[in-house]
């Protein structure tokens, strides 16, 4: 669907190392100095979904196709980025294009890795970045207000948008992000945000980057990040970016054994990918045939004809019905034919809201 997650943070917190591990290749240069990353690196990452493997056991397809999310490795921001410090304007523009933010925070001590602020304080790091995003939004809203003030004299309806923009500006000037603005659900705010792509309105996931010693049990840095995330309604995922990158070349069994030895049941990166997918408001439905078992990405709340359009526009135009089997029923009965015999296949019409995990077969007129 062309949706992306921007990886941000201060320099030398593990952003590019995380990106390397996410893409399972050395696609981003990782080095111990600020602004190692200048141009944003991009990569399409498969969303891990064990349901696809279960479907493949039943159908025996020629290939398996996962849902995907784009990750963008954005260069390290610094204090003053909103005023252009550290090539800040360029980096902030890259964040604007992302749909959500993965904020990597350093939660470990290591004298061999420099910190741009010369101290280890994850909450202070988060606040530096988030203040810069708010300051950048203030500048954007101020410009929009100036334009709205001119339009309000001649354009009907501009006054309502102007009042909202002024209220939003006051909110931002109190150092609060647009994501906590009281009118963020209003149509005027949605329209304004669609135009400005406010940085502090984006959903955030905090990635607490630790050393191996903190993988099994949270250190004090991670505990503070979890508390902060809870106060903002944001998810927090703990990972050891260095270890995740080192596991790139391991076989799945070796990787599982290593994670178990460290007290982990799942890779931090797998959690990041899956959490990012759902944070973007996305779900998957499946098609299951001998040629391929495939996950198709849609927004949560999408109706059947629009879900069909993800495969081909003609499917929406000529939509008749969606033959639907819930994932659990498909697995329970061992495939489409047996699920149909058991009465587990449903014929859904144009108003049906597709559910995560539905196995669908669309009927349509050419």
Protein backbone atom coordinates (compact mmCIF):
# COMPACT_ATOMS: atom_id res chain seq x y z
CA UNK A 1 0.00 0.00 0.00
CA UNK A 2 3.04 2.27 -0.12
CA UNK A 3 3.00 2.88 3.64
CA UNK A 4 6.27 3.50 5.43
CA UNK A 5 7.84 3.71 8.88
CA UNK A 6 10.65 6.22 9.43
CA UNK A 7 13.44 5.14 11.79
CA UNK A 8 14.57 8.19 13.80
CA UNK A 9 16.72 9.01 16.80
CA UNK A 10 19.81 10.89 17.86
CA UNK A 11 23.11 9.98 16.14
CA UNK A 12 24.79 6.76 17.28
CA UNK A 13 21.78 5.15 18.97
CA UNK A 14 21.59 2.13 16.64
CA UNK A 15 19.26 3.27 13.85
CA UNK A 16 21.35 2.05 10.92
CA UNK A 17 22.27 -1.16 12.77
CA UNK A 18 18.55 -1.80 13.31
CA UNK A 19 17.88 -1.06 9.65
CA UNK A 20 20.59 -3.52 8.56
CA UNK A 21 19.02 -6.24 10.64
CA UNK A 22 15.52 -5.42 9.43
CA UNK A 23 16.54 -5.83 5.82
CA UNK A 24 18.75 -8.87 6.54
CA UNK A 25 21.55 -7.27 4.54
CA UNK A 26 24.19 -4.60 4.99
CA UNK A 27 22.11 -1.97 3.23
CA UNK A 28 22.90 0.92 5.55
CA UNK A 29 26.40 1.99 6.51
CA UNK A 30 26.88 1.79 10.30
CA UNK A 31 29.75 3.75 11.84
CA UNK A 32 30.62 5.42 15.11
CA UNK A 33 30.25 9.07 14.10
CA UNK A 34 27.33 11.49 13.70
CA UNK A 35 25.60 11.86 10.32
CA UNK A 36 26.98 8.59 8.97
CA UNK A 37 23.58 8.31 7.27
CA UNK A 38 22.74 11.33 5.09
CA UNK A 39 20.48 10.09 2.31
CA UNK A 40 17.59 7.98 3.65
CA UNK A 41 17.95 4.26 2.98
CA UNK A 42 14.72 2.45 2.14
CA UNK A 43 13.79 -1.20 2.26
CA UNK A 44 10.66 -3.32 1.92
CA UNK A 45 10.36 -5.80 4.80
CA UNK A 46 8.10 -8.85 4.97
CA UNK A 47 5.67 -8.99 7.89
CA UNK A 48 6.22 -12.28 9.75
CA UNK A 49 2.92 -14.17 9.87
CA UNK A 50 2.87 -17.85 10.93
CA UNK A 51 -0.66 -18.15 9.53
CA UNK A 52 0.77 -18.15 6.00
CA UNK A 53 2.90 -21.18 6.82
CA UNK A 54 -0.10 -23.03 8.24
CA UNK A 55 -2.11 -22.29 5.09
CA UNK A 56 0.80 -23.45 2.93
CA UNK A 57 0.89 -26.82 4.75
CA UNK A 58 -2.71 -27.39 3.66
CA UNK A 59 -2.64 -25.94 0.14
CA UNK A 60 0.96 -26.83 -0.87
CA UNK A 61 1.40 -23.73 -3.08
CA UNK A 62 4.30 -22.97 -5.40
CA UNK A 63 5.12 -19.80 -3.45
CA UNK A 64 4.22 -17.79 -0.35
CA UNK A 65 3.79 -14.00 -0.48
CA UNK A 66 3.83 -11.96 2.76
CA UNK A 67 2.42 -8.54 3.54
CA UNK A 68 5.09 -5.84 3.50
CA UNK A 69 6.08 -2.60 5.22
CA UNK A 70 8.61 -0.05 3.99
CA UNK A 71 11.22 1.09 6.51
CA UNK A 72 13.20 4.29 5.96
CA UNK A 73 16.50 4.84 7.79
CA UNK A 74 16.57 8.60 8.44
CA UNK A 75 19.78 10.33 9.50
CA UNK A 76 20.28 11.23 13.16
CA UNK A 77 18.56 14.37 14.33
CA UNK A 78 20.24 16.75 16.77
CA UNK A 79 19.21 19.66 18.97
CA UNK A 80 18.32 22.53 16.64
CA UNK A 81 17.27 20.34 13.71
CA UNK A 82 14.10 22.39 13.23
CA UNK A 83 16.33 25.39 12.55
CA UNK A 84 18.52 23.47 10.13
CA UNK A 85 21.21 22.25 12.53
CA UNK A 86 22.93 19.06 11.36
CA UNK A 87 21.19 19.20 7.97
CA UNK A 88 17.98 19.08 10.02
CA UNK A 89 15.61 20.51 7.42
CA UNK A 90 16.44 17.71 4.98
CA UNK A 91 16.00 15.02 7.62
CA UNK A 92 12.71 16.48 8.89
CA UNK A 93 11.39 16.44 5.33
CA UNK A 94 12.21 12.72 5.15
CA UNK A 95 10.20 12.09 8.34
CA UNK A 96 7.26 14.02 6.88
CA UNK A 97 6.95 11.42 4.13
CA UNK A 98 6.72 8.53 6.63
CA UNK A 99 3.35 7.28 7.91
CA UNK A 100 4.62 6.33 11.38
CA UNK A 101 7.82 6.70 13.39
CA UNK A 102 10.08 4.07 14.93
CA UNK A 103 12.09 6.03 17.49
CA UNK A 104 15.27 4.17 18.45
CA UNK A 105 16.54 5.10 21.91
CA UNK A 106 19.88 4.15 23.42
CA UNK A 107 19.38 2.18 26.64
CA UNK A 108 22.89 0.90 27.29
CA UNK A 109 26.25 2.22 28.46
CA UNK A 110 29.40 1.77 26.37
CA UNK A 111 32.39 4.09 26.62
CA UNK A 112 33.51 3.03 23.14
CA UNK A 113 30.38 4.44 21.48
CA UNK A 114 30.11 8.22 21.61
CA UNK A 115 26.87 10.01 22.48
CA UNK A 116 26.15 13.31 20.80
CA UNK A 117 24.98 14.78 24.15
CA UNK A 118 27.85 13.15 26.14
CA UNK A 119 25.50 11.29 28.54
CA UNK A 120 23.10 8.34 28.59
CA UNK A 121 19.55 9.51 29.34
CA UNK A 122 16.89 7.94 27.10
CA UNK A 123 14.04 10.23 28.18
CA UNK A 124 16.13 13.33 27.56
CA UNK A 125 17.03 11.88 24.13
CA UNK A 126 13.36 11.32 23.32
CA UNK A 127 12.44 14.82 24.44
CA UNK A 128 15.12 16.38 22.22
CA UNK A 129 13.74 14.65 19.13
CA UNK A 130 10.11 15.25 19.99
CA UNK A 131 10.72 18.94 20.72
CA UNK A 132 12.34 19.33 17.30
CA UNK A 133 9.31 17.72 15.67
CA UNK A 134 6.99 20.09 17.56
CA UNK A 135 9.10 23.13 16.61
CA UNK A 136 9.01 22.08 12.96
CA UNK A 137 5.22 21.74 13.19
CA UNK A 138 4.93 25.19 14.76
CA UNK A 139 6.68 26.68 11.74
CA UNK A 140 4.37 24.79 9.35
CA UNK A 141 1.21 25.84 11.19
CA UNK A 142 2.33 29.48 11.40
CA UNK A 143 2.74 29.57 7.62
CA UNK A 144 -0.69 27.99 7.13
CA UNK A 145 -2.30 30.51 9.52
CA UNK A 146 -0.85 33.42 7.55
CA UNK A 147 -2.40 31.98 4.39
CA UNK A 148 -5.73 31.27 6.10
CA UNK A 149 -5.93 34.82 7.41
CA UNK A 150 -5.85 36.09 3.84
CA UNK A 151 -8.32 33.44 2.64
CA UNK A 152 -10.81 34.09 5.47
CA UNK A 153 -11.74 37.44 3.99
CA UNK A 154 -12.84 35.93 0.70
CA UNK A 155 -13.34 32.20 1.16
CA UNK A 156 -16.36 30.79 2.97
CA UNK A 157 -15.45 28.27 5.64
CA UNK A 158 -11.88 29.47 6.03
CA UNK A 159 -12.66 31.03 9.43
CA UNK A 160 -13.40 27.63 11.01
CA UNK A 161 -10.11 26.21 9.76
CA UNK A 162 -8.32 29.36 10.91
CA UNK A 163 -9.67 29.02 14.45
CA UNK A 164 -8.64 25.38 14.57
CA UNK A 165 -5.15 26.23 13.28
CA UNK A 166 -4.78 28.90 15.96
CA UNK A 167 -5.87 26.47 18.67
CA UNK A 168 -3.42 23.89 17.35
CA UNK A 169 -0.62 26.47 17.33
CA UNK A 170 -1.29 27.33 20.99
CA UNK A 171 -1.22 23.61 21.81
CA UNK A 172 2.11 23.12 20.02
CA UNK A 173 3.61 26.24 21.63
CA UNK A 174 2.94 24.63 25.02
CA UNK A 175 5.42 21.93 23.87
CA UNK A 176 2.67 19.36 23.36
CA UNK A 177 2.61 17.15 20.23
CA UNK A 178 -0.20 17.34 17.70
CA UNK A 179 -1.05 13.72 18.59
CA UNK A 180 -2.49 14.96 21.93
CA UNK A 181 -4.46 17.88 20.42
CA UNK A 182 -8.07 17.75 21.70
CA UNK A 183 -9.57 18.31 18.23
CA UNK A 184 -7.41 15.77 16.40
CA UNK A 185 -10.48 13.68 15.46
CA UNK A 186 -12.26 16.63 13.79
CA UNK A 187 -12.63 16.82 10.02
CA UNK A 188 -10.86 20.19 9.93
CA UNK A 189 -7.82 18.78 11.74
CA UNK A 190 -7.77 15.73 9.49
CA UNK A 191 -7.84 18.00 6.44
CA UNK A 192 -5.11 20.24 7.86
CA UNK A 193 -2.91 17.30 8.77
CA UNK A 194 -3.39 15.77 5.32
CA UNK A 195 -1.99 18.97 3.86
CA UNK A 196 0.83 19.63 6.37
CA UNK A 197 1.69 16.01 7.35
CA UNK A 198 2.44 17.16 10.89
CA UNK A 199 5.47 15.39 12.32
CA UNK A 200 4.25 15.28 15.92
CA UNK A 201 0.89 13.85 14.85
CA UNK A 202 2.43 10.61 13.61
CA UNK A 203 2.06 7.43 15.63
CA UNK A 204 5.27 6.44 17.41
CA UNK A 205 6.84 3.15 18.46
CA UNK A 206 9.83 3.41 20.79
CA UNK A 207 12.64 0.93 20.18
CA UNK A 208 14.69 0.54 23.36
CA UNK A 209 18.13 -0.54 22.12
CA UNK A 210 19.94 -2.51 24.84
CA UNK A 211 23.03 -4.66 25.23
CA UNK A 212 22.71 -8.42 25.67
CA UNK A 213 22.74 -8.18 29.48
CA UNK A 214 19.36 -6.41 29.48
CA UNK A 215 17.55 -8.72 27.07
CA UNK A 216 16.18 -11.09 29.70
CA UNK A 217 15.33 -8.43 32.29
CA UNK A 218 14.69 -4.70 31.72
CA UNK A 219 17.39 -2.35 32.94
CA UNK A 220 16.50 1.00 34.49
CA UNK A 221 16.76 2.78 31.13
CA UNK A 222 14.19 0.47 29.55
CA UNK A 223 11.83 0.79 32.52
CA UNK A 224 11.85 4.57 32.11
CA UNK A 225 11.15 4.29 28.38
CA UNK A 226 8.24 1.91 29.03
CA UNK A 227 6.76 4.38 31.54
CA UNK A 228 7.17 7.23 29.08
CA UNK A 229 5.62 5.22 26.24
CA UNK A 230 2.63 4.32 28.43
CA UNK A 231 2.09 8.00 29.24
CA UNK A 232 1.99 8.78 25.50
CA UNK A 233 -0.06 5.76 24.46
CA UNK A 234 2.88 4.51 22.38
CA UNK A 235 4.26 0.99 22.05
CA UNK A 236 7.73 0.11 23.37
CA UNK A 237 9.81 -2.75 21.98
CA UNK A 238 13.12 -3.87 23.48
CA UNK A 239 15.85 -5.08 21.16
CA UNK A 240 19.60 -5.49 20.95
CA UNK A 241 20.33 -4.05 17.51
CA UNK A 242 23.91 -5.33 17.50
CA UNK A 243 22.80 -8.89 18.25
CA UNK A 244 19.97 -8.73 15.72
CA UNK A 245 22.44 -7.72 13.03
CA UNK A 246 24.81 -10.53 14.02
CA UNK A 247 21.96 -13.06 13.71
CA UNK A 248 21.41 -12.19 10.04
CA UNK A 249 23.50 -15.11 8.76
CA UNK A 250 22.17 -17.72 11.20
CA UNK A 251 19.80 -20.53 10.29
CA UNK A 252 16.35 -20.27 11.87
CA UNK A 253 17.06 -23.09 14.34
CA UNK A 254 20.37 -21.53 15.40
CA UNK A 255 18.66 -18.18 15.81
CA UNK A 256 15.87 -19.70 17.91
CA UNK A 257 18.40 -21.49 20.14
CA UNK A 258 20.37 -18.27 20.66
CA UNK A 259 17.25 -16.29 21.55
CA UNK A 260 16.16 -19.00 24.00
CA UNK A 261 19.58 -18.94 25.68
CA UNK A 262 19.13 -15.18 26.18
CA UNK A 263 15.66 -15.60 27.66
CA UNK A 264 13.81 -14.37 24.57
CA UNK A 265 10.89 -16.04 22.82
CA UNK A 266 10.93 -13.81 19.76
CA UNK A 267 13.29 -11.52 17.90
CA UNK A 268 12.93 -7.83 18.71
CA UNK A 269 12.91 -7.12 15.01
CA UNK A 270 9.96 -9.44 14.40
CA UNK A 271 8.11 -7.52 17.09
CA UNK A 272 9.04 -4.22 15.44
CA UNK A 273 7.83 -5.29 12.00
CA UNK A 274 4.55 -6.72 13.24
CA UNK A 275 3.88 -3.81 15.63
CA UNK A 276 4.66 -1.29 12.88
CA UNK A 277 2.18 -3.04 10.58
CA UNK A 278 -0.66 -2.81 13.06
CA UNK A 279 0.34 0.67 14.22
CA UNK A 280 -0.28 1.80 10.65
CA UNK A 281 -3.82 0.45 11.00
CA UNK A 282 -3.20 -2.41 8.57
CA UNK A 283 -4.49 -5.98 8.50
CA UNK A 284 -4.09 -8.92 6.11
CA UNK A 285 -6.55 -11.10 4.28
CA UNK A 286 -5.44 -14.21 2.40
CA UNK A 287 -5.92 -15.90 -0.92
CA UNK A 288 -4.97 -19.57 -0.94
CA UNK A 289 -4.45 -21.54 -4.15
CA UNK A 290 -1.97 -23.98 -5.67
CA UNK A 291 -0.09 -21.17 -7.41
CA UNK A 292 0.40 -19.11 -4.26
CA UNK A 293 -0.71 -18.46 -0.72
CA UNK A 294 -0.68 -14.71 -0.33
CA UNK A 295 -1.36 -12.03 2.26
CA UNK A 296 -3.01 -8.87 0.91
CA UNK A 297 -2.66 -5.63 2.87
CA UNK A 298 -5.67 -3.43 3.60
CA UNK A 299 -6.62 -0.84 6.21
CA UNK A 300 -8.64 -2.12 9.14
CA UNK A 301 -12.31 -1.40 8.40
CA UNK A 302 -12.10 -1.89 4.62
CA UNK A 303 -15.21 -3.25 2.89
CA UNK A 304 -15.07 -6.24 0.55
CA UNK A 305 -15.18 -4.39 -2.83
CA UNK A 306 -12.32 -2.09 -1.83
CA UNK A 307 -10.37 -5.07 -0.48
CA UNK A 308 -10.85 -6.76 -3.85
CA UNK A 309 -9.43 -3.69 -5.60
CA UNK A 310 -6.08 -4.36 -3.93
CA UNK A 311 -5.79 -7.40 -6.22
CA UNK A 312 -7.20 -5.65 -9.30
CA UNK A 313 -9.41 -2.61 -9.90
CA UNK A 314 -11.75 -4.73 -12.06
CA UNK A 315 -12.56 -6.84 -9.01
CA UNK A 316 -14.09 -3.80 -7.33
CA UNK A 317 -15.89 -2.51 -10.43
CA UNK A 318 -17.61 -5.83 -11.14
CA UNK A 319 -17.88 -7.05 -7.54
CA UNK A 320 -20.64 -9.62 -6.94
CA UNK A 321 -19.69 -11.28 -3.65
CA UNK A 322 -16.77 -12.44 -1.52
CA UNK A 323 -16.71 -16.14 -0.66
CA UNK A 324 -15.26 -16.01 2.83
CA UNK A 325 -13.76 -18.54 5.22
CA UNK A 326 -12.32 -17.50 8.59
CA UNK A 327 -8.67 -18.52 9.05
CA UNK A 328 -9.51 -20.71 12.06
CA UNK A 329 -12.18 -22.60 10.08
CA UNK A 330 -9.90 -23.05 7.06
CA UNK A 331 -7.26 -24.68 9.28
CA UNK A 332 -9.76 -26.63 11.39
CA UNK A 333 -11.39 -28.29 8.38
CA UNK A 334 -8.19 -28.68 6.36
CA UNK A 335 -8.91 -26.48 3.36
CA UNK A 336 -11.58 -24.81 1.25
CA UNK A 337 -13.59 -27.80 0.07
CA UNK A 338 -13.98 -29.35 3.52
CA UNK A 339 -14.74 -25.97 5.08
CA UNK A 340 -17.44 -25.46 2.45
CA UNK A 341 -18.91 -28.92 3.16
CA UNK A 342 -19.03 -28.05 6.86
CA UNK A 343 -20.93 -24.83 6.12
CA UNK A 344 -18.03 -22.61 7.15
CA UNK A 345 -17.90 -20.71 3.84
CA UNK A 346 -20.00 -17.53 3.75
CA UNK A 347 -21.13 -15.38 0.81
CA UNK A 348 -20.53 -11.75 1.83
CA UNK A 349 -21.80 -8.68 -0.04
CA UNK A 350 -20.66 -5.12 -0.67
CA UNK A 351 -21.11 -3.94 2.92
CA UNK A 352 -19.02 -6.72 4.48
CA UNK A 353 -16.03 -5.40 6.46
CA UNK A 354 -13.10 -7.73 5.85
CA UNK A 355 -11.60 -9.24 8.99
CA UNK A 356 -7.93 -9.90 9.67
CA UNK A 357 -7.13 -13.44 8.49
CA UNK A 358 -10.14 -13.94 6.23
CA UNK A 359 -9.51 -16.30 3.30
CA UNK A 360 -11.34 -14.71 0.38
CA UNK A 361 -12.35 -15.67 -3.14
CA UNK A 362 -13.95 -12.83 -5.10
CA UNK A 363 -16.74 -13.30 -7.64
CA UNK A 364 -17.10 -10.46 -10.14
CA UNK A 365 -18.41 -9.51 -13.58
CA UNK A 366 -15.85 -8.59 -16.22
